[in-house]
Amino acid sequence: MCEHPTNCSNGDACRLVLRNRQTRMERFEYYCKAHLVARVCDLEDDDRLDVVDATLLSE
């Protein structure tokens, strides 16, 4: 379910909800826990998107 399947731990699936600061539209991205942490760190320098929520999805 991770958007990075080639080198993924394939652990628990997580959903990341992002909001565009200009349009206020939300989008969803799916990652394993490890890639979720990496993506959130990448977003710290992104002035276009806000992290709204990160949720562990039950399998």
N, C-alpha and C. Protein backbone atom coordinates (compact mmCIF):
# COMPACT_ATOMS: atom_id res chain seq x y z
N MET A 1 0.82 -1.20 0.00
CA MET A 1 0.00 0.00 0.00
C MET A 1 0.86 1.26 0.00
N CYS A 2 2.14 1.10 0.28
CA CYS A 2 3.05 2.25 0.33
C CYS A 2 3.31 2.76 -1.08
N GLU A 3 3.46 4.07 -1.21
CA GLU A 3 3.75 4.67 -2.50
C GLU A 3 5.20 4.46 -2.91
N HIS A 4 5.99 3.80 -2.09
CA HIS A 4 7.40 3.49 -2.37
C HIS A 4 7.61 1.99 -2.23
N PRO A 5 6.99 1.17 -3.07
CA PRO A 5 7.02 -0.28 -2.86
C PRO A 5 8.38 -0.95 -3.11
N THR A 6 9.28 -0.33 -3.84
CA THR A 6 10.52 -1.01 -4.19
C THR A 6 11.46 -1.21 -3.01
N ASN A 7 11.48 -0.30 -2.07
CA ASN A 7 12.36 -0.45 -0.91
C ASN A 7 11.57 -0.19 0.38
N CYS A 8 10.42 -0.81 0.46
CA CYS A 8 9.49 -0.55 1.56
C CYS A 8 9.53 -1.70 2.56
N SER A 9 9.37 -1.35 3.82
CA SER A 9 9.31 -2.37 4.86
C SER A 9 7.97 -3.10 4.84
N ASN A 10 7.01 -2.56 4.10
CA ASN A 10 5.67 -3.13 4.01
C ASN A 10 5.06 -3.37 5.38
N GLY A 11 5.34 -2.47 6.30
CA GLY A 11 4.76 -2.55 7.63
C GLY A 11 3.33 -2.01 7.60
N ASP A 12 2.91 -1.52 8.72
CA ASP A 12 1.56 -0.98 8.81
C ASP A 12 1.35 0.16 7.82
N ALA A 13 0.17 0.21 7.26
CA ALA A 13 -0.16 1.26 6.30
C ALA A 13 -0.65 2.50 7.04
N CYS A 14 -0.24 3.65 6.55
CA CYS A 14 -0.63 4.93 7.13
C CYS A 14 -1.17 5.84 6.04
N ARG A 15 -2.15 6.67 6.40
CA ARG A 15 -2.69 7.64 5.46
C ARG A 15 -2.27 9.03 5.92
N LEU A 16 -1.74 9.79 5.00
CA LEU A 16 -1.32 11.17 5.24
C LEU A 16 -2.27 12.10 4.51
N VAL A 17 -2.84 13.06 5.24
CA VAL A 17 -3.76 14.02 4.64
C VAL A 17 -3.04 15.36 4.56
N LEU A 18 -2.98 15.90 3.34
CA LEU A 18 -2.31 17.17 3.09
C LEU A 18 -3.31 18.19 2.57
N ARG A 19 -3.11 19.46 2.91
CA ARG A 19 -3.97 20.54 2.42
C ARG A 19 -3.12 21.57 1.69
N ASN A 20 -3.54 21.90 0.48
CA ASN A 20 -2.89 22.94 -0.30
C ASN A 20 -3.23 24.28 0.35
N ARG A 21 -2.23 25.07 0.66
CA ARG A 21 -2.46 26.35 1.35
C ARG A 21 -3.20 27.36 0.49
N GLN A 22 -3.04 27.28 -0.81
CA GLN A 22 -3.71 28.23 -1.71
C GLN A 22 -5.15 27.84 -1.99
N THR A 23 -5.36 26.61 -2.42
CA THR A 23 -6.69 26.18 -2.85
C THR A 23 -7.51 25.59 -1.73
N ARG A 24 -6.87 25.23 -0.61
CA ARG A 24 -7.51 24.59 0.54
C ARG A 24 -8.01 23.17 0.23
N MET A 25 -7.65 22.64 -0.93
CA MET A 25 -8.05 21.27 -1.28
C MET A 25 -7.15 20.28 -0.55
N GLU A 26 -7.75 19.16 -0.14
CA GLU A 26 -6.99 18.13 0.55
C GLU A 26 -6.68 16.98 -0.39
N ARG A 27 -5.56 16.31 -0.12
CA ARG A 27 -5.21 15.11 -0.88
C ARG A 27 -4.68 14.07 0.09
N PHE A 28 -4.77 12.83 -0.33
CA PHE A 28 -4.38 11.71 0.52
C PHE A 28 -3.19 10.98 -0.11
N GLU A 29 -2.25 10.59 0.74
CA GLU A 29 -1.11 9.79 0.31
C GLU A 29 -0.98 8.63 1.29
N TYR A 30 -0.48 7.51 0.79
CA TYR A 30 -0.39 6.29 1.61
C TYR A 30 1.05 5.81 1.67
N TYR A 31 1.50 5.48 2.89
CA TYR A 31 2.87 5.07 3.12
C TYR A 31 2.93 4.01 4.21
N CYS A 32 4.05 3.30 4.27
CA CYS A 32 4.35 2.51 5.46
C CYS A 32 4.83 3.51 6.52
N LYS A 33 5.01 3.06 7.75
CA LYS A 33 5.42 3.99 8.82
C LYS A 33 6.74 4.68 8.51
N ALA A 34 7.71 3.93 8.03
CA ALA A 34 9.04 4.51 7.77
C ALA A 34 8.97 5.59 6.71
N HIS A 35 8.28 5.34 5.62
CA HIS A 35 8.19 6.33 4.55
C HIS A 35 7.28 7.50 4.94
N LEU A 36 6.32 7.27 5.83
CA LEU A 36 5.48 8.37 6.32
C LEU A 36 6.34 9.39 7.06
N VAL A 37 7.22 8.90 7.93
CA VAL A 37 8.10 9.80 8.69
C VAL A 37 8.99 10.59 7.73
N ALA A 38 9.54 9.93 6.73
CA ALA A 38 10.39 10.61 5.76
C ALA A 38 9.61 11.67 4.99
N ARG A 39 8.37 11.37 4.61
CA ARG A 39 7.54 12.32 3.85
C ARG A 39 7.20 13.53 4.70
N VAL A 40 6.86 13.32 5.96
CA VAL A 40 6.53 14.45 6.85
C VAL A 40 7.75 15.34 7.03
N CYS A 41 8.92 14.76 7.14
CA CYS A 41 10.15 15.56 7.24
C CYS A 41 10.37 16.38 5.98
N ASP A 42 10.09 15.80 4.80
CA ASP A 42 10.21 16.54 3.54
C ASP A 42 9.26 17.73 3.50
N LEU A 43 8.10 17.57 4.09
CA LEU A 43 7.09 18.63 4.04
C LEU A 43 7.40 19.82 4.93
N GLU A 44 8.34 19.68 5.85
CA GLU A 44 8.70 20.79 6.72
C GLU A 44 9.20 21.99 5.92
N ASP A 45 9.83 21.74 4.77
CA ASP A 45 10.36 22.82 3.94
C ASP A 45 9.43 23.22 2.81
N ASP A 46 8.26 22.61 2.74
CA ASP A 46 7.31 22.88 1.66
C ASP A 46 6.31 23.93 2.13
N ASP A 47 6.34 25.11 1.51
CA ASP A 47 5.44 26.18 1.93
C ASP A 47 4.10 26.14 1.19
N ARG A 48 3.88 25.10 0.39
CA ARG A 48 2.61 24.97 -0.34
C ARG A 48 1.62 24.04 0.33
N LEU A 49 2.11 23.13 1.18
CA LEU A 49 1.24 22.11 1.77
C LEU A 49 1.32 22.11 3.29
N ASP A 50 0.18 21.85 3.92
CA ASP A 50 0.11 21.65 5.36
C ASP A 50 -0.27 20.20 5.63
N VAL A 51 0.31 19.61 6.65
CA VAL A 51 -0.09 18.28 7.08
C VAL A 51 -1.33 18.45 7.94
N VAL A 52 -2.41 17.80 7.56
CA VAL A 52 -3.67 17.87 8.30
C VAL A 52 -3.77 16.72 9.29
N ASP A 53 -3.41 15.52 8.83
CA ASP A 53 -3.57 14.34 9.66
C ASP A 53 -2.68 13.21 9.17
N ALA A 54 -2.27 12.35 10.07
CA ALA A 54 -1.57 11.12 9.71
C ALA A 54 -2.21 10.02 10.57
N THR A 55 -2.75 9.00 9.90
CA THR A 55 -3.51 7.98 10.58
C THR A 55 -2.99 6.59 10.24
N LEU A 56 -2.86 5.75 11.26
CA LEU A 56 -2.52 4.35 11.04
C LEU A 56 -3.78 3.63 10.61
N LEU A 57 -3.72 2.96 9.47
CA LEU A 57 -4.87 2.23 8.96
C LEU A 57 -4.83 0.79 9.45
N SER A 58 -5.93 0.31 9.95
CA SER A 58 -5.95 -1.08 10.41
C SER A 58 -6.03 -2.02 9.21
N GLU A 59 -5.29 -3.10 9.30
CA GLU A 59 -5.24 -4.06 8.19
C GLU A 59 -6.39 -5.01 8.26
